[in-house]
Amino acid sequence: MRSFPRPRLVVSKCLGFAPCRYDGSVIPDPVVEALKPHVEFLPVCPEVEIGLGVPRPPIRLVQGAPVRLVQPDTGRDLTAPMEAFSKEFLEGLSEVDGFILKNRSPSCALRDAKIHASENGPAVGRGPGLFGAAVRARFPTLPAEDEGRLTNRALREHFFTVIFALAALREVEASEDMGELVRFHTRQKFLLMAQGQAKLRELGRIVANPQRLPVKEVLRQYGEKFREAFLRPPRRTSVINVLEHAFGYVSEGLKPGERQYFQRLLGEYRAGRIPASVPREVLRSWVIRFDVAYLAEQSFFEPFPSELLFPLDSGKGEE
C-alpha cells in the first residue's frame, strides 16, 4: 500500500459543509464525502462572502459585455463585489491542488450556469459563474471540476489521479532537491506515458537538465509542464499501450489462460464496457506476484487511495 500526501482542494461550501445555498439547504455529495478522509478541503461560499444572507433571493447571470451578476428581487448588481472577492480569495491561495465547485451556480459554476437575456428574461445560454470563471483564469493548469461531472467514472478517476500527483509534486518542489525530482519523475513515468509519449519525453528532458540550470528553475519548468500534461483524461488507446507495455514485464511467467484473460479485459476496456481500473488491478496483482520492483513503484498502478475506487457512475463522457 502506498502512502499519499493530502491534496488541498477548494470546494463549494454547500457541498456537504454548510447549509448556505440560497434556499438554506446543504447538498450532500458522495464524492466529496469519500474524499474527506484523504484531502484537506478549503470550503468557500462566494455568495455568503460578499454579504448575501441565508436564505436569500436568487441571483442570476445576465448577458452582456461583460456578463453581469444581479439579484432581480432587490435590483442589486453584484458583479463588482463578486469579482473583487474572487480576486482577493484566489490570489491569497497557496499550495492548492484543485477545485470541486457547485454546478449550475451563477457564482461557482465552471461551465453550465444559465445566462439570461435580462434581469427577468429567459435563459439564452450557459457559461461559467463569476467565481468559476476567475478560478479558470487564475489557475488554468489546475484540475477543476463540478460535482455533476464527477459522477462520471473516467472523469472522476482522472481528477483523483491528478490531485494526488500534484500533492506529491508539491512535496518535491518544497524539498528543492534534484534527487527527489528524479525519483518523482521515475515513479510517474507510466502515468505520463498514458497522457502521451511527447509529454513524457519533454519532462524527461527537463529532468536531464543538459543546460545545468539551478534546481529552482528546473522545478519551475517541470511543475509547469507536469500540470499541463494532465489537463485532459488520457485516451483509451494510450492507456492500453501502457498496460500492454507493462504486461510485457510479466507475461512470460503467466499461463496461456491468464494471458488470454488479460487480452480479453483489454478488449472489454477498449469497447468501453469496463473501466481502466479493472485490467490495471489484474496486472498489478501479477506485478506483486512476480515482485517486479520497477513496476511496483509506478504510480500508474495505484494513483490514488483504493478506498476511492467506488461504482458511482453516470455512464457519460468516457474517453
Protein backbone atom coordinates (compact mmCIF):
# COMPACT_ATOMS: atom_id res chain seq x y z
CA MET A 1 0.00 0.00 0.00
CA ARG A 2 1.30 3.44 -0.95
CA SER A 3 1.17 6.38 1.40
CA PHE A 4 -0.32 9.51 -0.10
CA PRO A 5 0.15 13.19 0.68
CA ARG A 6 -3.09 15.09 1.31
CA PRO A 7 -4.19 17.23 -1.65
CA ARG A 8 -5.58 20.69 -0.81
CA LEU A 9 -8.88 21.34 -2.58
CA VAL A 10 -11.10 24.39 -2.67
CA VAL A 11 -14.72 23.20 -2.51
CA SER A 12 -18.11 24.89 -2.64
CA LYS A 13 -19.24 25.07 0.98
CA CYS A 14 -22.79 23.95 0.12
CA LEU A 15 -21.46 20.50 -0.94
CA GLY A 16 -21.82 18.90 2.45
CA PHE A 17 -20.14 21.54 4.65
CA ALA A 18 -22.81 24.13 5.49
CA PRO A 19 -26.46 24.96 4.66
CA CYS A 20 -25.52 28.06 2.67
CA ARG A 21 -27.46 27.72 -0.59
CA TYR A 22 -29.91 30.48 -1.48
CA ASP A 23 -32.74 28.39 -0.01
CA GLY A 24 -30.81 27.45 3.13
CA SER A 25 -30.11 23.89 2.03
CA VAL A 26 -26.95 21.79 2.03
CA ILE A 27 -26.18 19.26 -0.70
CA PRO A 28 -24.54 16.02 0.49
CA ASP A 29 -22.21 14.77 -2.22
CA PRO A 30 -20.82 11.20 -2.25
CA VAL A 31 -17.56 12.14 -3.99
CA VAL A 32 -16.83 14.91 -1.50
CA GLU A 33 -17.72 12.60 1.40
CA ALA A 34 -15.41 9.88 0.07
CA LEU A 35 -12.56 12.38 -0.25
CA LYS A 36 -12.86 13.87 3.25
CA PRO A 37 -10.53 11.35 4.98
CA HIS A 38 -7.89 11.81 2.28
CA VAL A 39 -7.75 15.50 1.40
CA GLU A 40 -7.67 18.90 3.08
CA PHE A 41 -10.75 20.84 2.00
CA LEU A 42 -10.95 24.63 1.88
CA PRO A 43 -14.73 25.28 1.79
CA VAL A 44 -15.97 28.60 0.45
CA CYS A 45 -19.32 30.15 -0.43
CA PRO A 46 -18.63 33.24 -2.57
CA GLU A 47 -22.22 34.45 -2.25
CA VAL A 48 -22.11 34.47 1.55
CA GLU A 49 -18.63 36.01 1.45
CA ILE A 50 -19.93 39.07 -0.42
CA GLY A 51 -22.55 39.62 2.27
CA LEU A 52 -25.61 37.78 0.96
CA GLY A 53 -27.71 36.13 3.65
CA VAL A 54 -29.10 32.62 4.06
CA PRO A 55 -31.75 32.18 2.81
CA ARG A 56 -31.59 34.92 0.15
CA PRO A 57 -33.37 35.95 -3.03
CA PRO A 58 -31.86 34.12 -6.04
CA ILE A 59 -29.14 35.71 -8.14
CA ARG A 60 -28.60 35.23 -11.86
CA LEU A 61 -26.20 35.95 -14.69
CA VAL A 62 -27.31 38.47 -17.34
CA GLN A 63 -25.76 38.54 -20.79
CA GLY A 64 -23.61 41.48 -21.77
CA ALA A 65 -20.03 42.53 -22.21
CA PRO A 66 -19.14 41.55 -19.59
CA VAL A 67 -21.74 39.18 -18.15
CA ARG A 68 -23.30 40.71 -15.01
CA LEU A 69 -24.36 39.06 -11.75
CA VAL A 70 -27.62 40.51 -10.45
CA GLN A 71 -30.30 39.87 -7.81
CA PRO A 72 -33.60 40.62 -9.58
CA ASP A 73 -35.74 40.80 -6.43
CA THR A 74 -33.63 43.60 -4.94
CA GLY A 75 -32.26 45.16 -8.12
CA ARG A 76 -28.69 44.80 -6.84
CA ASP A 77 -25.80 44.45 -9.26
CA LEU A 78 -23.33 42.09 -7.56
CA THR A 79 -20.77 41.94 -10.36
CA ALA A 80 -18.12 44.17 -8.79
CA PRO A 81 -18.34 42.65 -5.26
CA MET A 82 -18.10 39.10 -6.66
CA GLU A 83 -15.15 39.97 -8.91
CA ALA A 84 -13.36 41.70 -6.03
CA PHE A 85 -13.89 38.77 -3.65
CA SER A 86 -12.81 36.22 -6.28
CA LYS A 87 -9.60 38.13 -6.99
CA GLU A 88 -8.71 38.55 -3.32
CA PHE A 89 -9.55 34.96 -2.34
CA LEU A 90 -7.77 33.28 -5.26
CA GLU A 91 -4.66 35.45 -5.04
CA GLY A 92 -4.44 34.56 -1.35
CA LEU A 93 -4.36 30.82 -2.00
CA SER A 94 -1.13 28.91 -1.65
CA GLU A 95 -0.40 25.23 -2.15
CA VAL A 96 -3.75 24.34 -3.69
CA ASP A 97 -4.13 21.27 -5.91
CA GLY A 98 -7.61 21.61 -7.37
CA PHE A 99 -11.25 22.67 -7.10
CA ILE A 100 -14.64 20.98 -6.73
CA LEU A 101 -17.35 23.56 -7.35
CA LYS A 102 -21.15 23.55 -7.48
CA ASN A 103 -22.51 23.09 -10.96
CA ARG A 104 -25.13 25.45 -12.42
CA SER A 105 -24.36 28.07 -9.78
CA PRO A 106 -24.22 31.69 -11.01
CA SER A 107 -21.19 32.14 -8.77
CA CYS A 108 -19.37 28.78 -8.68
CA ALA A 109 -20.27 27.01 -11.95
CA LEU A 110 -17.33 26.24 -14.23
CA ARG A 111 -19.32 25.91 -17.45
CA ASP A 112 -23.09 25.41 -17.07
CA ALA A 113 -24.73 28.34 -15.23
CA LYS A 114 -27.74 29.81 -17.03
CA ILE A 115 -27.16 33.19 -18.68
CA HIS A 116 -30.31 35.27 -19.06
CA ALA A 117 -31.32 37.83 -21.66
CA SER A 118 -32.18 40.37 -18.94
CA GLU A 119 -32.72 40.53 -15.19
CA ASN A 120 -36.16 38.97 -15.56
CA GLY A 121 -35.75 37.50 -19.03
CA PRO A 122 -35.40 33.91 -20.24
CA ALA A 123 -32.18 31.89 -20.28
CA VAL A 124 -30.36 32.31 -23.59
CA GLY A 125 -27.20 30.27 -22.95
CA ARG A 126 -24.85 28.78 -20.42
CA GLY A 127 -21.42 29.65 -19.14
CA PRO A 128 -19.24 29.89 -16.04
CA GLY A 129 -20.27 31.72 -12.89
CA LEU A 130 -18.15 34.70 -11.94
CA PHE A 131 -16.15 32.85 -9.26
CA GLY A 132 -15.80 29.79 -11.51
CA ALA A 133 -14.53 31.94 -14.37
CA ALA A 134 -11.98 33.56 -12.03
CA VAL A 135 -10.77 30.11 -10.95
CA ARG A 136 -10.18 29.12 -14.58
CA ALA A 137 -8.36 32.37 -15.30
CA ARG A 138 -6.16 32.31 -12.18
CA PHE A 139 -5.35 28.56 -12.19
CA PRO A 140 -5.61 27.36 -15.81
CA THR A 141 -3.50 24.22 -15.27
CA LEU A 142 -5.05 23.01 -12.01
CA PRO A 143 -7.83 20.37 -12.09
CA ALA A 144 -11.25 21.96 -11.56
CA GLU A 145 -14.49 20.01 -11.77
CA ASP A 146 -18.07 20.36 -10.65
CA GLU A 147 -19.83 17.70 -8.61
CA GLY A 148 -22.07 16.78 -11.55
CA ARG A 149 -19.22 15.77 -13.85
CA LEU A 150 -17.56 13.78 -11.06
CA THR A 151 -20.39 11.24 -11.22
CA ASN A 152 -18.65 10.01 -14.37
CA ARG A 153 -16.07 7.33 -13.54
CA ALA A 154 -13.47 8.30 -16.16
CA LEU A 155 -13.54 12.00 -15.22
CA ARG A 156 -13.63 11.21 -11.51
CA GLU A 157 -10.67 8.81 -11.56
CA HIS A 158 -8.65 11.21 -13.70
CA PHE A 159 -9.40 14.01 -11.23
CA PHE A 160 -8.32 11.81 -8.31
CA THR A 161 -5.16 10.79 -10.17
CA VAL A 162 -4.18 14.39 -10.85
CA ILE A 163 -4.84 15.84 -7.40
CA PHE A 164 -2.75 13.17 -5.67
CA ALA A 165 0.05 13.53 -8.23
CA LEU A 166 0.08 17.30 -7.74
CA ALA A 167 0.14 16.93 -3.95
CA ALA A 168 3.21 14.70 -4.30
CA LEU A 169 4.77 17.19 -6.72
CA ARG A 170 4.29 19.99 -4.16
CA GLU A 171 6.37 17.99 -1.68
CA VAL A 172 9.15 17.65 -4.26
CA GLU A 173 9.01 21.37 -5.05
CA ALA A 174 9.24 22.19 -1.34
CA SER A 175 12.31 19.96 -0.97
CA GLU A 176 14.26 21.83 -3.68
CA ASP A 177 16.17 18.57 -4.15
CA MET A 178 17.13 17.33 -7.60
CA GLY A 179 17.31 13.75 -6.39
CA GLU A 180 13.72 13.96 -5.17
CA LEU A 181 12.63 15.23 -8.58
CA VAL A 182 14.40 12.36 -10.34
CA ARG A 183 12.70 9.84 -8.06
CA PHE A 184 9.32 11.52 -8.52
CA HIS A 185 9.66 11.52 -12.31
CA THR A 186 10.64 7.85 -12.32
CA ARG A 187 7.52 6.94 -10.33
CA GLN A 188 5.28 8.94 -12.69
CA LYS A 189 6.65 7.58 -16.00
CA PHE A 190 3.77 5.24 -16.77
CA LEU A 191 1.17 7.85 -15.80
CA LEU A 192 2.88 10.33 -18.11
CA MET A 193 3.13 7.72 -20.85
CA ALA A 194 -0.64 7.35 -20.68
CA GLN A 195 -1.00 11.10 -21.19
CA GLY A 196 1.26 10.95 -24.26
CA GLN A 197 4.78 9.96 -25.22
CA ALA A 198 5.62 13.53 -26.25
CA LYS A 199 4.82 14.82 -22.76
CA LEU A 200 6.91 12.09 -21.17
CA ARG A 201 9.89 12.95 -23.40
CA GLU A 202 9.55 16.69 -22.73
CA LEU A 203 9.53 16.21 -18.97
CA GLY A 204 12.41 13.75 -19.23
CA ARG A 205 14.50 16.40 -20.98
CA ILE A 206 13.74 18.91 -18.21
CA VAL A 207 14.86 16.41 -15.54
CA ALA A 208 18.04 15.60 -17.52
CA ASN A 209 18.87 19.33 -17.28
CA PRO A 210 21.52 19.49 -20.04
CA GLN A 211 21.89 23.26 -19.51
CA ARG A 212 22.75 22.76 -15.81
CA LEU A 213 20.07 25.17 -14.69
CA PRO A 214 19.59 25.91 -10.98
CA VAL A 215 17.33 23.42 -9.19
CA LYS A 216 14.62 26.01 -8.57
CA GLU A 217 14.38 26.76 -12.28
CA VAL A 218 14.27 23.05 -13.19
CA LEU A 219 11.48 22.53 -10.67
CA ARG A 220 9.59 25.55 -12.02
CA GLN A 221 9.78 24.28 -15.60
CA TYR A 222 8.94 20.72 -14.58
CA GLY A 223 5.96 21.77 -12.46
CA GLU A 224 4.53 23.91 -15.26
CA LYS A 225 4.78 21.17 -17.88
CA PHE A 226 3.67 18.39 -15.50
CA ARG A 227 0.45 20.25 -14.67
CA GLU A 228 -0.18 20.93 -18.36
CA ALA A 229 0.28 17.23 -19.14
CA PHE A 230 -2.80 16.29 -17.12
CA LEU A 231 -5.26 18.87 -18.41
CA ARG A 232 -7.31 16.14 -20.13
CA PRO A 233 -8.02 12.50 -19.30
CA PRO A 234 -5.87 10.02 -21.25
CA ARG A 235 -7.24 8.33 -24.36
CA ARG A 236 -8.13 4.67 -24.11
CA THR A 237 -5.58 3.81 -26.79
CA SER A 238 -2.80 5.43 -24.76
CA VAL A 239 -3.84 3.62 -21.57
CA ILE A 240 -3.92 0.31 -23.48
CA ASN A 241 -0.40 0.98 -24.78
CA VAL A 242 0.81 1.45 -21.19
CA LEU A 243 -0.97 -1.69 -19.99
CA GLU A 244 0.49 -3.75 -22.83
CA HIS A 245 3.95 -2.30 -22.18
CA ALA A 246 3.72 -3.27 -18.50
CA PHE A 247 2.24 -6.66 -19.41
CA GLY A 248 5.47 -7.44 -21.25
CA TYR A 249 7.32 -7.46 -17.91
CA VAL A 250 5.20 -10.31 -16.51
CA SER A 251 3.75 -12.21 -19.47
CA GLU A 252 6.43 -14.93 -19.61
CA GLY A 253 5.54 -16.11 -16.12
CA LEU A 254 1.83 -16.41 -16.87
CA LYS A 255 -0.18 -19.38 -18.03
CA PRO A 256 -1.78 -19.20 -21.51
CA GLY A 257 -5.20 -18.81 -19.94
CA GLU A 258 -4.05 -15.86 -17.87
CA ARG A 259 -2.59 -14.14 -20.91
CA GLN A 260 -5.81 -14.72 -22.83
CA TYR A 261 -7.86 -13.40 -19.91
CA PHE A 262 -5.83 -10.19 -19.79
CA GLN A 263 -6.21 -9.64 -23.54
CA ARG A 264 -9.97 -10.12 -23.14
CA LEU A 265 -10.02 -7.48 -20.41
CA LEU A 266 -8.17 -5.08 -22.69
CA GLY A 267 -10.80 -5.72 -25.35
CA GLU A 268 -13.58 -5.01 -22.84
CA TYR A 269 -11.88 -1.77 -21.82
CA ARG A 270 -11.29 -0.80 -25.46
CA ALA A 271 -15.02 -1.25 -26.10
CA GLY A 272 -15.89 0.90 -23.08
CA ARG A 273 -17.60 -1.87 -21.12
CA ILE A 274 -15.23 -1.76 -18.11
CA PRO A 275 -13.03 0.99 -16.61
CA ALA A 276 -9.24 1.02 -16.89
CA SER A 277 -9.00 0.13 -13.20
CA VAL A 278 -10.12 -3.46 -13.91
CA PRO A 279 -7.23 -4.58 -16.18
CA ARG A 280 -4.89 -2.35 -14.19
CA GLU A 281 -5.71 -4.12 -10.91
CA VAL A 282 -5.31 -7.57 -12.50
CA LEU A 283 -1.94 -6.52 -13.89
CA ARG A 284 -0.96 -5.06 -10.52
CA SER A 285 -1.63 -8.43 -8.85
CA TRP A 286 0.90 -10.02 -11.21
CA VAL A 287 3.42 -7.25 -10.54
CA ILE A 288 3.14 -8.16 -6.84
CA ARG A 289 3.22 -11.90 -7.56
CA PHE A 290 6.43 -11.68 -9.62
CA ASP A 291 7.95 -8.91 -7.47
CA VAL A 292 8.72 -6.58 -10.39
CA ALA A 293 10.29 -3.72 -8.45
CA TYR A 294 10.33 -1.19 -11.32
CA LEU A 295 6.59 -1.60 -11.93
CA ALA A 296 5.72 -1.79 -8.24
CA GLU A 297 6.95 1.77 -7.72
CA GLN A 298 4.92 3.18 -10.62
CA SER A 299 2.09 5.50 -9.52
CA PHE A 300 0.09 4.23 -12.51
CA PHE A 301 -0.82 1.08 -10.57
CA GLU A 302 -2.10 2.95 -7.51
CA PRO A 303 -2.58 6.60 -8.46
CA PHE A 304 -4.90 7.37 -5.54
CA PRO A 305 -6.12 5.58 -2.38
CA SER A 306 -8.00 2.38 -3.20
CA GLU A 307 -10.91 3.48 -0.97
CA LEU A 308 -11.77 5.97 -3.71
CA LEU A 309 -12.50 3.23 -6.25
CA PHE A 310 -16.27 3.15 -5.98
CA PRO A 311 -19.01 2.39 -8.52
CA LEU A 312 -20.84 5.74 -8.74
CA ASP A 313 -21.05 6.40 -12.48
CA SER A 314 -23.31 8.46 -14.73
CA GLY A 315 -22.27 6.43 -17.76
CA LYS A 316 -21.41 9.60 -19.70
CA GLY A 317 -18.22 11.03 -21.03
CA GLU A 318 -15.82 8.05 -21.15
CA GLU A 319 -12.87 8.74 -23.41
